[in-house]
Amino acid sequence: MPARKYTEEQRERFFEVMDRGGTVRAAAAAAGVHPDAGYRWVRQAGMAHDRPAPRAYSQQDKDAFFRLLAERGNVSAVARKLGFVRVTCYKWANQAGIFTGKNVDAKREEFARLRASGLTRARAAAQVGVDARSALDWDRGVRVFSGAGSIRTGGSFGIAASRYWPP
């Protein structure tokens, strides 16, 4: 039988923190054990560690959000002020037709026009008001969606796809 990885003192410390209302992760950190060990100990002890129910927002909450959003115009600031979950507030704004992301299509098109007319990347970027990295990405045909990822949409200005994008 393999030796025990954690001492009995660590296990006792873990359950002391849990008894005071701590989370499994907080108790594991306090006891100096891996959270997986904490979850295993909780299961073995037959303790429940269910997640709390998600917050339910009333129509008055939504109304207060949209009222304050009309004044401030910043979803994150309004969510913080009201103590609401930011992602939920962005969802409400999007469902109401309020889109808060940047639309750079016009800048991208102007950049492409300037590059096609022979301007260097640096001069075209400066003229449209974008940073050098965006200009490089646009030249390579990279598009970023909601800050979560990017996709190559086709080469521009004779750049070989295999040079910049893995096959």
C-alpha atoms as a PDB file:
ATOM      1  CA  MET A   1       0.000   0.000   0.000  1.00  0.00           C
ATOM      2  CA  PRO A   2       1.446   3.409  -0.958  1.00  0.00           C
ATOM      3  CA  ALA A   3       2.332   5.923   1.728  1.00  0.00           C
ATOM      4  CA  ARG A   4      -0.203   8.631   2.543  1.00  0.00           C
ATOM      5  CA  LYS A   5       0.373  11.812   0.603  1.00  0.00           C
ATOM      6  CA  TYR A   6      -1.113  14.098   3.252  1.00  0.00           C
ATOM      7  CA  THR A   7      -0.817  14.029   7.036  1.00  0.00           C
ATOM      8  CA  GLU A   8      -3.665  13.637   9.465  1.00  0.00           C
ATOM      9  CA  GLU A   9      -2.941  17.196  10.678  1.00  0.00           C
ATOM     10  CA  GLN A  10      -3.569  18.529   7.161  1.00  0.00           C
ATOM     11  CA  ARG A  11      -6.832  16.635   6.976  1.00  0.00           C
ATOM     12  CA  GLU A  12      -7.920  17.997  10.377  1.00  0.00           C
ATOM     13  CA  ARG A  13      -6.972  21.549   9.345  1.00  0.00           C
ATOM     14  CA  PHE A  14      -8.993  21.103   6.138  1.00  0.00           C
ATOM     15  CA  PHE A  15     -12.144  20.092   8.042  1.00  0.00           C
ATOM     16  CA  GLU A  16     -11.664  22.914  10.606  1.00  0.00           C
ATOM     17  CA  VAL A  17     -11.849  25.463   7.790  1.00  0.00           C
ATOM     18  CA  MET A  18     -14.795  23.630   6.219  1.00  0.00           C
ATOM     19  CA  ASP A  19     -16.633  23.671   9.574  1.00  0.00           C
ATOM     20  CA  ARG A  20     -16.246  27.452   9.733  1.00  0.00           C
ATOM     21  CA  GLY A  21     -18.061  27.737   6.390  1.00  0.00           C
ATOM     22  CA  GLY A  22     -15.088  27.831   4.032  1.00  0.00           C
ATOM     23  CA  THR A  23     -15.191  26.497   0.514  1.00  0.00           C
ATOM     24  CA  VAL A  24     -13.421  23.302  -0.449  1.00  0.00           C
ATOM     25  CA  ARG A  25     -10.788  25.239  -2.389  1.00  0.00           C
ATOM     26  CA  ALA A  26     -10.193  27.700   0.462  1.00  0.00           C
ATOM     27  CA  ALA A  27      -9.949  24.881   3.001  1.00  0.00           C
ATOM     28  CA  ALA A  28      -7.543  22.973   0.758  1.00  0.00           C
ATOM     29  CA  ALA A  29      -5.344  26.034   0.371  1.00  0.00           C
ATOM     30  CA  ALA A  30      -5.358  26.641   4.133  1.00  0.00           C
ATOM     31  CA  ALA A  31      -4.403  23.024   4.806  1.00  0.00           C
ATOM     32  CA  GLY A  32      -1.765  22.951   2.075  1.00  0.00           C
ATOM     33  CA  VAL A  33      -3.397  20.164   0.089  1.00  0.00           C
ATOM     34  CA  HIS A  34      -4.549  19.874  -3.497  1.00  0.00           C
ATOM     35  CA  PRO A  35      -8.222  20.801  -4.028  1.00  0.00           C
ATOM     36  CA  ASP A  36      -8.864  17.356  -5.539  1.00  0.00           C
ATOM     37  CA  ALA A  37      -7.847  15.792  -2.227  1.00  0.00           C
ATOM     38  CA  GLY A  38     -10.257  18.134  -0.456  1.00  0.00           C
ATOM     39  CA  TYR A  39     -13.130  17.156  -2.743  1.00  0.00           C
ATOM     40  CA  ARG A  40     -12.285  13.476  -2.209  1.00  0.00           C
ATOM     41  CA  TRP A  41     -12.302  13.935   1.586  1.00  0.00           C
ATOM     42  CA  VAL A  42     -15.653  15.739   1.411  1.00  0.00           C
ATOM     43  CA  ARG A  43     -17.133  12.895  -0.662  1.00  0.00           C
ATOM     44  CA  GLN A  44     -15.727  10.266   1.689  1.00  0.00           C
ATOM     45  CA  ALA A  45     -17.174  12.113   4.698  1.00  0.00           C
ATOM     46  CA  GLY A  46     -20.593  12.257   3.011  1.00  0.00           C
ATOM     47  CA  MET A  47     -20.716  16.056   3.148  1.00  0.00           C
ATOM     48  CA  ALA A  48     -22.629  18.034   0.550  1.00  0.00           C
ATOM     49  CA  HIS A  49     -20.860  20.847  -1.243  1.00  0.00           C
ATOM     50  CA  ASP A  50     -23.478  21.845  -3.784  1.00  0.00           C
ATOM     51  CA  ARG A  51     -23.152  25.098  -5.618  1.00  0.00           C
ATOM     52  CA  PRO A  52     -25.515  27.859  -4.606  1.00  0.00           C
ATOM     53  CA  ALA A  53     -28.418  28.601  -6.919  1.00  0.00           C
ATOM     54  CA  PRO A  54     -27.637  31.265  -9.531  1.00  0.00           C
ATOM     55  CA  ARG A  55     -28.912  34.731  -8.807  1.00  0.00           C
ATOM     56  CA  ALA A  56     -32.365  35.497 -10.169  1.00  0.00           C
ATOM     57  CA  TYR A  57     -32.866  39.029 -11.461  1.00  0.00           C
ATOM     58  CA  SER A  58     -36.241  40.725 -11.308  1.00  0.00           C
ATOM     59  CA  GLN A  59     -37.718  43.011 -13.937  1.00  0.00           C
ATOM     60  CA  GLN A  60     -36.946  45.923 -11.582  1.00  0.00           C
ATOM     61  CA  ASP A  61     -33.278  44.885 -11.640  1.00  0.00           C
ATOM     62  CA  LYS A  62     -33.267  44.899 -15.434  1.00  0.00           C
ATOM     63  CA  ASP A  63     -35.057  48.256 -15.526  1.00  0.00           C
ATOM     64  CA  ALA A  64     -32.487  49.751 -13.134  1.00  0.00           C
ATOM     65  CA  PHE A  65     -29.698  48.357 -15.311  1.00  0.00           C
ATOM     66  CA  PHE A  66     -31.052  49.889 -18.523  1.00  0.00           C
ATOM     67  CA  ARG A  67     -31.833  53.202 -16.819  1.00  0.00           C
ATOM     68  CA  LEU A  68     -28.265  53.491 -15.534  1.00  0.00           C
ATOM     69  CA  LEU A  69     -26.843  52.219 -18.832  1.00  0.00           C
ATOM     70  CA  ALA A  70     -28.617  55.043 -20.664  1.00  0.00           C
ATOM     71  CA  GLU A  71     -26.894  57.533 -18.339  1.00  0.00           C
ATOM     72  CA  ARG A  72     -23.408  56.015 -18.272  1.00  0.00           C
ATOM     73  CA  GLY A  73     -23.128  54.046 -21.506  1.00  0.00           C
ATOM     74  CA  ASN A  74     -20.674  51.498 -20.067  1.00  0.00           C
ATOM     75  CA  VAL A  75     -22.034  48.013 -19.352  1.00  0.00           C
ATOM     76  CA  SER A  76     -19.137  46.961 -17.103  1.00  0.00           C
ATOM     77  CA  ALA A  77     -19.338  50.117 -14.985  1.00  0.00           C
ATOM     78  CA  VAL A  78     -23.106  49.775 -14.569  1.00  0.00           C
ATOM     79  CA  ALA A  79     -22.825  46.083 -13.637  1.00  0.00           C
ATOM     80  CA  ARG A  80     -20.169  46.918 -11.052  1.00  0.00           C
ATOM     81  CA  LYS A  81     -22.241  49.793  -9.634  1.00  0.00           C
ATOM     82  CA  LEU A  82     -25.348  47.608  -9.259  1.00  0.00           C
ATOM     83  CA  GLY A  83     -23.474  44.502  -8.113  1.00  0.00           C
ATOM     84  CA  PHE A  84     -24.729  42.457 -11.065  1.00  0.00           C
ATOM     85  CA  VAL A  85     -22.832  39.781 -12.971  1.00  0.00           C
ATOM     86  CA  ARG A  86     -21.096  41.557 -15.866  1.00  0.00           C
ATOM     87  CA  VAL A  87     -21.689  38.765 -18.395  1.00  0.00           C
ATOM     88  CA  THR A  88     -25.415  38.787 -17.615  1.00  0.00           C
ATOM     89  CA  CYS A  89     -25.543  42.543 -18.211  1.00  0.00           C
ATOM     90  CA  TYR A  90     -23.752  42.196 -21.554  1.00  0.00           C
ATOM     91  CA  LYS A  91     -26.286  39.509 -22.503  1.00  0.00           C
ATOM     92  CA  TRP A  92     -29.190  41.826 -21.662  1.00  0.00           C
ATOM     93  CA  ALA A  93     -27.634  44.672 -23.648  1.00  0.00           C
ATOM     94  CA  ASN A  94     -27.040  42.418 -26.640  1.00  0.00           C
ATOM     95  CA  GLN A  95     -30.599  41.051 -26.526  1.00  0.00           C
ATOM     96  CA  ALA A  96     -31.884  44.633 -26.451  1.00  0.00           C
ATOM     97  CA  GLY A  97     -29.891  45.453 -29.589  1.00  0.00           C
ATOM     98  CA  ILE A  98     -27.208  47.411 -27.762  1.00  0.00           C
ATOM     99  CA  PHE A  99     -23.895  46.193 -29.131  1.00  0.00           C
ATOM    100  CA  THR A 100     -20.880  47.327 -27.190  1.00  0.00           C
ATOM    101  CA  GLY A 101     -18.031  45.810 -29.206  1.00  0.00           C
ATOM    102  CA  LYS A 102     -15.824  47.779 -31.539  1.00  0.00           C
ATOM    103  CA  ASN A 103     -16.754  47.740 -35.201  1.00  0.00           C
ATOM    104  CA  VAL A 104     -13.492  48.069 -37.079  1.00  0.00           C
ATOM    105  CA  ASP A 105     -14.785  47.110 -40.520  1.00  0.00           C
ATOM    106  CA  ALA A 106     -14.644  50.686 -41.824  1.00  0.00           C
ATOM    107  CA  LYS A 107     -11.080  51.123 -40.567  1.00  0.00           C
ATOM    108  CA  ARG A 108     -10.084  47.762 -42.036  1.00  0.00           C
ATOM    109  CA  GLU A 109     -11.528  48.682 -45.428  1.00  0.00           C
ATOM    110  CA  GLU A 110      -9.784  52.071 -45.417  1.00  0.00           C
ATOM    111  CA  PHE A 111      -6.533  50.358 -44.423  1.00  0.00           C
ATOM    112  CA  ALA A 112      -6.901  47.855 -47.291  1.00  0.00           C
ATOM    113  CA  ARG A 113      -7.605  50.686 -49.741  1.00  0.00           C
ATOM    114  CA  LEU A 114      -4.507  52.595 -48.604  1.00  0.00           C
ATOM    115  CA  ARG A 115      -2.328  49.469 -48.798  1.00  0.00           C
ATOM    116  CA  ALA A 116      -3.644  48.692 -52.295  1.00  0.00           C
ATOM    117  CA  SER A 117      -2.738  52.232 -53.356  1.00  0.00           C
ATOM    118  CA  GLY A 118       0.878  51.559 -52.363  1.00  0.00           C
ATOM    119  CA  LEU A 119       1.203  53.006 -48.845  1.00  0.00           C
ATOM    120  CA  THR A 120       3.448  51.179 -46.426  1.00  0.00           C
ATOM    121  CA  ARG A 121       1.859  49.254 -43.585  1.00  0.00           C
ATOM    122  CA  ALA A 122       3.121  51.756 -40.994  1.00  0.00           C
ATOM    123  CA  ARG A 123       1.815  54.809 -42.883  1.00  0.00           C
ATOM    124  CA  ALA A 124      -1.547  53.193 -43.621  1.00  0.00           C
ATOM    125  CA  ALA A 125      -1.901  52.158 -39.947  1.00  0.00           C
ATOM    126  CA  ALA A 126      -1.029  55.655 -38.747  1.00  0.00           C
ATOM    127  CA  GLN A 127      -3.489  57.237 -41.154  1.00  0.00           C
ATOM    128  CA  VAL A 128      -6.367  55.000 -40.053  1.00  0.00           C
ATOM    129  CA  GLY A 129      -5.386  55.183 -36.372  1.00  0.00           C
ATOM    130  CA  VAL A 130      -4.628  51.545 -35.573  1.00  0.00           C
ATOM    131  CA  ASP A 131      -1.617  49.971 -33.890  1.00  0.00           C
ATOM    132  CA  ALA A 132       1.112  48.112 -35.743  1.00  0.00           C
ATOM    133  CA  ARG A 133      -0.089  44.696 -34.543  1.00  0.00           C
ATOM    134  CA  SER A 134      -3.595  45.207 -35.930  1.00  0.00           C
ATOM    135  CA  ALA A 135      -2.131  46.387 -39.220  1.00  0.00           C
ATOM    136  CA  LEU A 136       0.068  43.284 -39.414  1.00  0.00           C
ATOM    137  CA  ASP A 137      -2.910  41.031 -38.634  1.00  0.00           C
ATOM    138  CA  TRP A 138      -5.014  42.767 -41.272  1.00  0.00           C
ATOM    139  CA  ASP A 139      -2.264  42.308 -43.836  1.00  0.00           C
ATOM    140  CA  ARG A 140      -2.144  38.620 -42.955  1.00  0.00           C
ATOM    141  CA  GLY A 141      -5.911  38.260 -43.205  1.00  0.00           C
ATOM    142  CA  VAL A 142      -6.453  37.546 -39.505  1.00  0.00           C
ATOM    143  CA  ARG A 143      -9.799  38.512 -38.028  1.00  0.00           C
ATOM    144  CA  VAL A 144     -10.506  38.541 -34.295  1.00  0.00           C
ATOM    145  CA  PHE A 145     -13.997  37.719 -33.086  1.00  0.00           C
ATOM    146  CA  SER A 146     -15.130  39.119 -29.701  1.00  0.00           C
ATOM    147  CA  GLY A 147     -11.582  38.985 -28.397  1.00  0.00           C
ATOM    148  CA  ALA A 148     -11.963  35.232 -27.985  1.00  0.00           C
ATOM    149  CA  GLY A 149     -10.180  33.900 -31.010  1.00  0.00           C
ATOM    150  CA  SER A 150      -9.003  34.566 -34.489  1.00  0.00           C
ATOM    151  CA  ILE A 151      -9.258  33.025 -37.906  1.00  0.00           C
ATOM    152  CA  ARG A 152      -7.328  33.552 -41.104  1.00  0.00           C
ATOM    153  CA  THR A 153      -9.753  34.735 -43.749  1.00  0.00           C
ATOM    154  CA  GLY A 154      -7.392  34.830 -46.693  1.00  0.00           C
ATOM    155  CA  GLY A 155      -4.099  36.383 -47.618  1.00  0.00           C
ATOM    156  CA  SER A 156      -3.777  39.992 -48.603  1.00  0.00           C
ATOM    157  CA  PHE A 157      -1.058  41.687 -50.574  1.00  0.00           C
ATOM    158  CA  GLY A 158       0.685  38.463 -51.648  1.00  0.00           C
ATOM    159  CA  ILE A 159       1.535  37.020 -48.223  1.00  0.00           C
ATOM    160  CA  ALA A 160       1.887  33.240 -48.292  1.00  0.00           C
ATOM    161  CA  ALA A 161      -0.539  31.458 -45.969  1.00  0.00           C
ATOM    162  CA  SER A 162       1.959  28.766 -44.994  1.00  0.00           C
ATOM    163  CA  ARG A 163       4.375  31.403 -43.718  1.00  0.00           C
ATOM    164  CA  TYR A 164       2.015  32.778 -41.089  1.00  0.00           C
ATOM    165  CA  TRP A 165      -0.692  30.234 -40.484  1.00  0.00           C
ATOM    166  CA  PRO A 166      -0.047  26.594 -39.635  1.00  0.00           C
ATOM    167  CA  PRO A 167      -1.559  24.136 -42.116  1.00  0.00           C
END
